[in-house]
Each structure stands twice: as structure tokens, then as C-alpha cells.
Protein backbone atom coordinates (compact mmCIF):
# COMPACT_ATOMS: atom_id res chain seq x y z
CA LEU A 1 -128.69 41.26 83.68
CA ARG A 2 -127.34 41.12 87.24
CA LEU A 3 -128.39 38.95 90.14
CA ASP A 4 -127.22 40.23 93.52
CA ASN A 5 -127.45 38.31 96.77
CA THR A 6 -125.61 39.03 99.99
CA ASN A 7 -124.62 35.36 100.32
CA LEU A 8 -123.86 34.61 96.68
CA PRO A 9 -121.45 36.00 94.10
CA THR A 10 -122.78 38.41 91.50
CA ILE A 11 -123.60 36.86 88.16
CA THR A 12 -123.59 38.91 84.97
CA ILE A 13 -125.25 37.63 81.81
CA ALA A 14 -124.94 39.45 78.51
CA THR A 15 -128.26 40.61 77.11
CA MET A 16 -129.12 41.00 73.44
CA VAL A 17 -132.45 42.13 72.04
CA LEU A 18 -133.20 41.44 68.38
CA ASP A 19 -134.91 44.21 66.43
CA LYS A 20 -136.18 41.96 63.63
CA PRO A 21 -137.45 38.37 63.44
CA THR A 22 -134.98 35.56 62.83
CA ARG A 23 -137.66 33.75 60.85
CA SER A 24 -141.04 34.84 59.56
CA LEU A 25 -143.22 34.31 56.52
CA PRO A 26 -145.03 36.80 54.27
CA PRO A 27 -148.76 37.17 54.96
CA GLY A 28 -150.73 34.28 53.54
CA SER A 29 -153.72 34.48 51.22
CA ASN A 30 -157.17 33.68 52.55
CA PHE A 31 -156.91 30.23 51.02
CA GLU A 32 -153.47 29.55 52.53
CA CYS A 33 -154.66 30.68 55.97
CA THR A 34 -157.73 28.45 55.71
CA VAL A 35 -155.53 25.47 54.86
CA GLY A 36 -153.21 26.40 57.74
CA PHE A 37 -156.18 26.58 60.11
CA LEU A 38 -157.40 23.11 59.09
CA ALA A 39 -153.90 21.61 59.33
CA ALA A 40 -153.35 23.11 62.80
CA SER A 41 -156.77 21.90 63.95
CA VAL A 42 -155.68 18.29 63.48
CA PHE A 43 -153.58 18.53 66.66
CA SER A 44 -156.18 20.08 68.97
CA VAL A 45 -159.05 17.98 67.58
CA ALA A 46 -156.96 14.83 68.10
CA TYR A 47 -156.44 15.92 71.70
CA VAL A 48 -160.22 15.67 72.17
CA ALA A 49 -161.16 12.95 69.69
CA ALA A 50 -158.55 10.36 70.75
CA PRO A 51 -159.71 9.98 74.39
CA ILE A 52 -163.38 10.05 73.36
CA HIS A 53 -162.82 7.33 70.76
CA VAL A 54 -160.79 5.13 73.11
CA PHE A 55 -163.29 5.32 75.97
CA CYS A 56 -166.28 4.82 73.66
CA ALA A 57 -164.65 1.81 72.01
CA LEU A 58 -163.85 0.20 75.36
CA GLY A 59 -167.32 0.96 76.69
CA CYS A 60 -169.06 -0.51 73.65
CA THR A 61 -166.86 -3.62 73.75
CA MET A 62 -167.71 -4.22 77.41
CA ARG A 63 -171.42 -3.52 76.93
CA TYR A 64 -171.86 -5.29 73.58
CA PRO A 65 -169.01 -7.82 73.33
CA THR A 66 -170.55 -9.69 70.39
CA TRP A 67 -171.39 -6.62 68.26
CA TRP A 68 -169.11 -6.31 65.23
CA GLY A 69 -169.29 -2.51 65.36
CA ALA A 70 -167.67 -2.45 68.78
CA TRP A 71 -164.72 -4.47 67.51
CA MET A 72 -164.40 -2.26 64.44
CA MET A 73 -164.01 0.72 66.76
CA ASN A 74 -161.05 -1.05 68.38
CA ILE A 75 -159.12 -1.47 65.12
CA PRO A 76 -157.55 2.06 65.16
CA ILE A 77 -156.58 1.53 68.80
CA LEU A 78 -154.91 -1.81 68.11
CA VAL A 79 -153.07 -0.43 65.07
CA SER A 80 -151.87 2.52 67.14
CA LEU A 81 -150.58 0.25 69.89
CA MET A 82 -148.64 -1.83 67.36
CA VAL A 83 -147.04 1.13 65.58
CA PRO A 84 -143.83 2.21 67.36
CA CYS A 85 -143.27 5.94 67.86
CA ARG A 86 -139.95 5.67 66.03
CA MET A 87 -141.79 4.78 62.84
CA VAL A 88 -143.91 7.93 63.09
CA GLU A 89 -140.83 10.05 63.85
CA ARG A 90 -139.32 9.02 60.52
CA LEU A 91 -142.33 10.58 58.80
CA ALA A 92 -141.88 13.91 60.58
CA ASN A 93 -139.85 15.62 57.87
CA PRO A 94 -142.20 14.87 54.93
CA ILE A 95 -145.15 15.80 57.16
CA PHE A 96 -143.74 19.13 58.38
CA THR A 97 -142.43 20.13 54.96
CA SER A 98 -145.73 19.32 53.22
CA TRP A 99 -147.57 22.28 51.71
CA PRO A 100 -150.57 22.18 54.12
CA MET A 101 -148.32 22.13 57.19
CA GLN A 102 -146.23 24.99 55.83
CA GLN A 103 -149.37 27.17 55.88
CA ILE A 104 -149.83 26.84 59.67
CA PRO A 105 -147.40 29.69 60.56
CA LYS A 106 -149.17 31.96 58.07
CA TYR A 107 -152.50 31.38 59.80
CA PHE A 108 -150.97 32.53 63.11
CA HIS A 109 -148.90 35.44 61.67
CA TYR A 110 -146.03 33.60 63.31
CA GLU A 111 -142.57 35.07 64.03
CA GLU A 112 -139.41 33.76 65.69
CA TYR A 113 -136.64 35.60 67.52
CA HIS A 114 -133.53 33.48 68.14
CA GLU A 115 -130.88 34.92 70.41
CA THR A 116 -129.47 31.40 70.20
CA THR A 117 -129.78 29.98 66.69
CA ASP A 118 -130.46 26.42 65.59
CA SER A 119 -126.98 26.36 64.07
CA GLU A 120 -125.42 27.14 67.45
CA PHE A 121 -127.24 24.20 69.02
CA ARG A 122 -126.23 21.83 66.26
CA SER A 123 -122.57 22.87 66.14
CA SER A 124 -122.09 22.54 69.91
CA SER A 125 -121.12 19.26 71.59
CA LYS A 126 -122.81 20.51 74.76
CA SER A 127 -126.25 19.41 75.91
CA PHE A 128 -129.00 21.96 76.51
CA ILE A 129 -132.28 21.98 78.39
CA VAL A 130 -134.58 24.25 76.41
CA GLY A 131 -137.05 25.55 78.98
CA ALA A 132 -140.36 26.31 77.25
CA HIS A 133 -143.07 28.57 78.72
CA PRO A 134 -146.03 28.62 78.98
CA HIS A 135 -147.68 25.25 78.40
CA GLY A 136 -151.18 26.20 77.21
CA VAL A 137 -153.81 23.64 76.23
CA PHE A 138 -151.69 22.71 73.26
CA SER A 139 -148.44 24.35 72.15
CA PHE A 140 -149.30 25.71 68.71
CA CYS A 141 -146.24 27.92 69.01
CA GLY A 142 -144.25 24.71 69.29
CA VAL A 143 -145.97 23.36 66.18
CA CYS A 144 -145.02 26.47 64.22
CA ALA A 145 -141.44 26.27 65.47
CA ALA A 146 -141.23 22.64 64.28
CA VAL A 147 -142.64 23.56 60.87
CA MET A 148 -140.18 26.43 60.46
CA THR A 149 -137.05 24.55 61.56
CA HIS A 150 -137.92 21.63 59.25
CA GLY A 151 -138.21 23.96 56.28
CA ALA A 152 -135.28 26.31 57.02
CA PRO A 153 -131.86 25.72 55.41
CA ASP A 154 -130.19 26.40 58.77
CA GLY A 155 -132.77 24.52 60.84
CA PHE A 156 -132.79 21.07 62.42
CA GLY A 157 -134.69 19.55 59.52
CA ALA A 158 -135.26 15.82 59.69
CA ALA A 159 -132.93 15.61 62.73
CA LEU A 160 -135.29 17.54 65.03
CA ALA A 161 -136.91 14.50 66.66
CA GLU A 162 -133.49 12.97 67.31
CA GLU A 163 -131.46 16.04 68.29
CA ALA A 164 -134.08 18.11 70.16
CA PRO A 165 -137.04 15.96 71.21
CA THR A 166 -139.75 17.17 73.57
CA ALA A 167 -140.11 15.73 77.07
CA ALA A 168 -143.68 14.61 77.73
CA ALA A 169 -145.67 12.84 80.42
CA SER A 170 -145.61 9.05 80.20
CA VAL A 171 -149.34 8.86 79.47
CA VAL A 172 -148.92 10.95 76.30
CA LYS A 173 -146.32 8.52 74.95
CA ILE A 174 -148.60 5.51 75.33
CA PHE A 175 -152.14 6.83 74.84
CA PRO A 176 -153.50 5.26 71.60
CA ILE A 177 -153.88 7.53 68.55
CA LEU A 178 -152.77 10.64 70.46
CA LYS A 179 -149.24 9.24 70.77
CA ASP A 180 -149.06 8.84 66.99
CA VAL A 181 -150.18 12.42 66.30
CA LEU A 182 -147.65 13.85 68.75
CA ALA A 183 -144.79 11.46 67.91
CA VAL A 184 -143.83 13.66 64.94
CA PHE A 185 -142.22 16.04 67.44
CA GLY A 186 -140.01 13.32 68.87
CA LEU A 187 -141.15 12.51 72.39
CA ILE A 188 -139.11 11.30 75.34
CA ASP A 189 -140.34 10.48 78.82
CA ALA A 190 -140.18 13.45 81.19
CA SER A 191 -139.05 11.32 84.13
CA SER A 192 -135.87 12.42 85.91
CA SER A 193 -134.07 9.15 85.11
CA THR A 194 -134.76 9.44 81.38
CA LEU A 195 -133.70 13.08 81.20
CA SER A 196 -130.53 12.41 83.22
CA LYS A 197 -129.59 9.57 80.89
CA ARG A 198 -130.08 11.78 77.85
CA LEU A 199 -128.02 14.63 79.32
CA SER A 200 -125.16 12.21 80.00
CA LYS A 201 -124.66 11.88 76.25
CA PRO A 202 -123.03 14.46 73.96
CA ARG A 203 -125.63 16.74 72.36
CA GLY A 204 -128.38 15.40 74.60
CA THR A 205 -130.58 18.45 74.11
CA PHE A 206 -134.32 18.33 74.76
CA VAL A 207 -137.29 20.69 75.15
CA LEU A 208 -138.98 20.76 78.54
CA TYR A 209 -142.24 22.55 79.39
CA ILE A 210 -141.10 23.35 82.91
CA GLY A 211 -144.34 24.76 84.34
CA GLY A 212 -146.45 21.94 82.99
CA MET A 213 -150.14 21.99 82.17
CA ILE A 214 -151.10 23.64 85.46
CA GLU A 215 -150.17 26.96 83.82
CA LEU A 216 -153.10 26.86 81.42
CA PHE A 217 -155.54 27.23 84.32
CA TYR A 218 -154.14 30.54 85.58
CA SER A 219 -153.34 32.89 82.67
CA SER A 220 -155.77 35.69 81.80
CA PRO A 221 -156.12 38.55 79.27
CA LYS A 222 -154.16 40.84 81.63
CA GLU A 223 -151.37 38.60 82.88
CA GLU A 224 -149.39 35.49 82.05
CA VAL A 225 -148.65 32.98 84.79
CA VAL A 226 -145.77 30.51 84.74
CA PHE A 227 -145.23 27.94 87.48
CA LEU A 228 -141.54 28.12 88.23
CA LYS A 229 -140.82 29.06 91.86
CA GLU A 230 -140.81 25.46 93.06
CA ARG A 231 -139.65 23.88 89.78
CA LYS A 232 -135.95 23.50 90.42
CA GLY A 233 -135.27 19.93 89.34
CA PHE A 234 -134.21 21.00 85.85
CA ILE A 235 -131.54 23.28 87.33
CA LYS A 236 -130.18 20.41 89.42
CA LEU A 237 -130.13 18.16 86.35
CA ALA A 238 -128.22 20.77 84.33
CA LEU A 239 -125.63 21.41 87.05
CA ARG A 240 -125.03 17.70 87.66
CA SER A 241 -124.60 16.85 83.98
CA GLY A 242 -122.72 19.95 82.85
CA ALA A 243 -125.56 20.92 80.52
CA ASP A 244 -126.74 24.48 80.00
CA VAL A 245 -130.25 25.92 80.11
CA VAL A 246 -131.86 28.11 77.45
CA PRO A 247 -135.16 29.91 78.22
CA VAL A 248 -137.90 30.13 75.60
CA TYR A 249 -141.11 32.15 75.78
CA MET A 250 -144.02 31.38 73.47
CA PHE A 251 -146.35 34.34 73.20
CA GLY A 252 -149.86 33.23 72.27
CA ASN A 253 -149.83 29.70 73.69
CA THR A 254 -152.40 30.68 76.31
CA THR A 255 -154.64 32.77 74.03
CA VAL A 256 -154.99 30.47 71.04
CA LEU A 257 -157.55 28.38 72.95
CA SER A 258 -159.84 29.28 75.86
CA VAL A 259 -160.07 26.93 78.82
CA LEU A 260 -162.47 26.23 81.66
CA ALA A 261 -160.28 27.16 84.63
CA TRP A 262 -161.91 25.19 87.44
CA GLY A 263 -159.74 24.15 90.39
CA PRO A 264 -160.60 20.41 90.57
CA LEU A 265 -159.83 20.02 86.85
CA ALA A 266 -156.34 21.40 87.44
CA SER A 267 -155.71 18.82 90.18
CA LEU A 268 -157.06 16.01 88.00
CA SER A 269 -154.89 17.09 85.06
CA ARG A 270 -151.76 17.03 87.21
CA SER A 271 -152.63 13.56 88.51
CA LEU A 272 -153.19 12.09 85.04
CA GLY A 273 -150.32 13.90 83.35
CA MET A 274 -152.49 15.38 80.59
CA SER A 275 -155.02 18.19 80.24
CA VAL A 276 -158.49 17.25 81.44
CA THR A 277 -160.76 20.23 80.95
CA PHE A 278 -163.14 21.86 78.50
CA PHE A 279 -161.47 24.08 75.95
CA TRP A 280 -162.62 25.84 72.83
CA GLY A 281 -161.43 28.18 70.15
CA ARG A 282 -162.74 29.22 66.76
CA PHE A 283 -166.46 28.63 66.19
CA GLY A 284 -166.68 27.35 69.78
CA LEU A 285 -164.88 24.17 68.68
CA PRO A 286 -161.50 22.72 69.73
CA MET A 287 -159.87 24.58 66.86
CA PRO A 288 -157.27 27.36 67.24
CA ASN A 289 -158.16 31.04 67.11
CA PRO A 290 -156.24 33.14 64.55
CA VAL A 291 -154.08 34.88 67.16
CA HIS A 292 -150.52 36.12 66.69
CA LEU A 293 -147.90 33.62 67.86
CA THR A 294 -144.36 34.72 68.68
CA TYR A 295 -141.52 32.37 69.64
CA VAL A 296 -138.57 33.91 71.51
CA ARG A 297 -135.43 31.97 72.45
CA GLY A 298 -132.87 33.50 74.80
CA ARG A 299 -129.19 32.86 75.40
CA PRO A 300 -127.74 29.98 77.47
CA LEU A 301 -127.23 30.88 81.12
CA GLY A 302 -123.60 29.74 81.08
CA MET A 303 -124.04 27.22 83.90
CA PRO A 304 -121.07 25.37 85.43
CA HIS A 305 -120.67 21.64 85.88
CA ILE A 306 -121.14 20.77 89.56
CA ALA A 307 -121.39 17.03 90.13
CA ASN A 308 -122.97 17.45 93.57
CA PRO A 309 -124.65 20.88 93.61
CA SER A 310 -125.57 22.34 96.96
CA ALA A 311 -128.96 23.86 97.74
CA GLU A 312 -127.31 27.28 97.39
CA ASP A 313 -126.01 26.41 93.92
CA ILE A 314 -129.47 25.36 92.80
CA GLU A 315 -131.14 28.43 94.32
CA LYS A 316 -128.62 30.75 92.71
CA TRP A 317 -129.02 29.44 89.17
CA HIS A 318 -132.77 29.06 89.54
CA ALA A 319 -132.96 32.76 90.44
CA VAL A 320 -130.87 33.60 87.37
CA TYR A 321 -133.23 31.59 85.19
CA CYS A 322 -136.32 33.32 86.61
CA GLN A 323 -134.82 36.75 85.99
CA LYS A 324 -133.71 35.84 82.49
CA LEU A 325 -137.17 34.52 81.61
CA THR A 326 -138.80 37.71 82.94
CA GLU A 327 -136.35 39.78 80.95
CA LEU A 328 -137.10 37.79 77.82
CA PHE A 329 -140.85 38.37 78.30
CA ASP A 330 -140.47 42.11 78.90
CA ASN A 331 -138.04 42.65 76.03
CA TYR A 332 -140.22 40.99 73.40
CA LYS A 333 -143.84 41.30 74.55
CA GLY A 334 -144.21 44.42 72.41
CA ARG A 335 -143.67 42.31 69.27
CA ASN A 336 -147.01 40.59 69.85
CA PRO A 337 -150.08 42.92 69.83
CA ASP A 338 -151.94 40.78 72.36
CA TYR A 339 -149.16 41.08 74.94
CA LYS A 340 -148.09 44.74 74.92
CA HIS A 341 -149.83 45.48 78.22
CA LYS A 342 -149.49 42.07 79.87
CA LYS A 343 -147.21 41.31 82.80
CA LEU A 344 -145.55 38.03 83.70
CA ILE A 345 -146.29 36.45 87.07
CA ILE A 346 -144.01 33.69 88.36
CA LYS A 347 -145.74 31.43 90.89
């Protein structure tokens, strides 16, 4: 892959395309797939049920302050607020390695292609920003990746939440009930100060959904849309800290659930830091469709350490990242039957 610019030096990045999955599972039985479907549905149903429960409980308490039922509805909320995320993170390994959770990848016919392996991450003292695309309503591809790396001998295992947490909006980390469901992935605040602090430490790797939730409002059956043209802060962070950036594409994240793509909802979602829209899947419910999911991880860009990067430095490496992500999409889209004829649009 070459990036040529009249004002910038030429950058060459080695390209490797895998011809077989790094990780995959044999097809599951009907029973295993049904269990996988129910286990996966916990995440998307919680995404709907948690806000509804919280707002109903608060509404009932305000309207009927002396009714015992209203206060009973507040018990799960109070328990959630008292339980620290760290406590839930410690349960991640037994949860992800449990038999029901291990059936989730089978339900999605899930495959992984790692140009950069988990072992390479873990053996390096360097920090990495793992750029994940696209966001989708909920990243079921990310769920499958967590399940697989917990169960693989060469995976992150119980160290995933500590060594490669996911950056999330502040509201997700504090919203009652929802924070406990998502804490198993290991969540850190997506603010610039928090991410900079993490990158300043050895092996300060984290996963960042760079385009954010706005992406889920624009993808269609014919094309995938990632919001990346104006998202350059992660490049600046990497250059300043001496970290590297690894692109990841998750085929199926935007097809596993359908979404009401209405402009005002996109603006509201961005303001609140979480998806606010109507979405549906199997049976017309907030449960995932049985689509193929494919996780593809590229190679590090090989970025330098520049304590005070110029605008040109940031533009140059941002362009490299965009080209590498496009290349990753084009090289592997044929591995997923729903994406063979799709094209990637970077907005």
C-alpha cells in the first residue's frame, strides 16, 4: 500500500491477506444456535430494557412516592449504582467461557482474520489504539471476538478487560444496569484525557470505535459508511504518545439489527453519547438476526513518536489509516456473503 502526496514523503506499508480464518468454530446444532441466539439477545435487550426500567421507576416514584411497588422498582437501580464496574470485570472470564456464551459465535457463523495476532499484542511493550469500524446499534462482532479470545489458548483470556478495554461514552459507564451488562468488556472513558493517560503507560492498549454511533444511521444494503474524514484526534494521540494504530473491520455489525435512520435521532444520539432510536431484528424484536459476522484485524501502521505533531503529520498518518482501512474492507469483504458487492464510503 502506497500513499503519495506532492508535499509528503511516500509511505509504504506491507500488505498481507489471509486465505483462511485465524479462528472459527464448526457449525453449531440447532439447539446450540438457539442457545447462542438467546445469550446474544441479553446484550441488545438490555440496551432497550435498562433505560425503560430506569425511567419508569423514576416516573412511578415521583408520581406515587408512597407506593411500595415504585420503591421495589428502584432496588435494581440502587444495587447497580453500588456495584463497581471492577467487580463485574472480574466475572468476565467465567461469563465468556460459560457454555451458553460459547454458542454465540456459532449462531452468527462467526470467523476471525488476524493479520496481527493476540500474542503479538500481549508480547509487545508498545501501546496500541485498535480502531474498530463500524459501530452499529450494538457490536455483536465485538461480543464474538471477546468470547473467542477468552476461550482461545493464545487469546487474552481473563486479562482482556485489563489489557485491551473498550473506550465508551461516559453515560454508558454510569447508566444503571446497562453499565453492569457492558462492564464485562472492560470499559474506560473515551475522553481525550483518559485515553492519553492510558497511552502514557506501557501496554496501554484499548479499543476505540472511531466513527461512533452516528455510523449506524447511514449504512445500507449496498454500502457501508464509516465516519472518519474529520476524526483525527486518535492519530494525534498515537503520534504524541508513541503508540501505534491497528485498524479493525467488523463485517455484519450494521446488518445484525435494523435501525430507524431519522436525522433528528442521529443528532440526539450524538448529544447523549448513546444510541437513541428504534431498532429491531429477529421476530421484529431487539434481538439479533442470524447474519454472518466476520472480524478482520489489520497490521499496525508503524507510526513514529512525535511529541508535538504538526497538522501535516496528522494529515499524513490519517490518510494512511483511511487507505489501510479501505484496503482491509476490500481484501476481506468476499469472506462474508452479505458484503461481496458492497463498497465502503468514508465520510
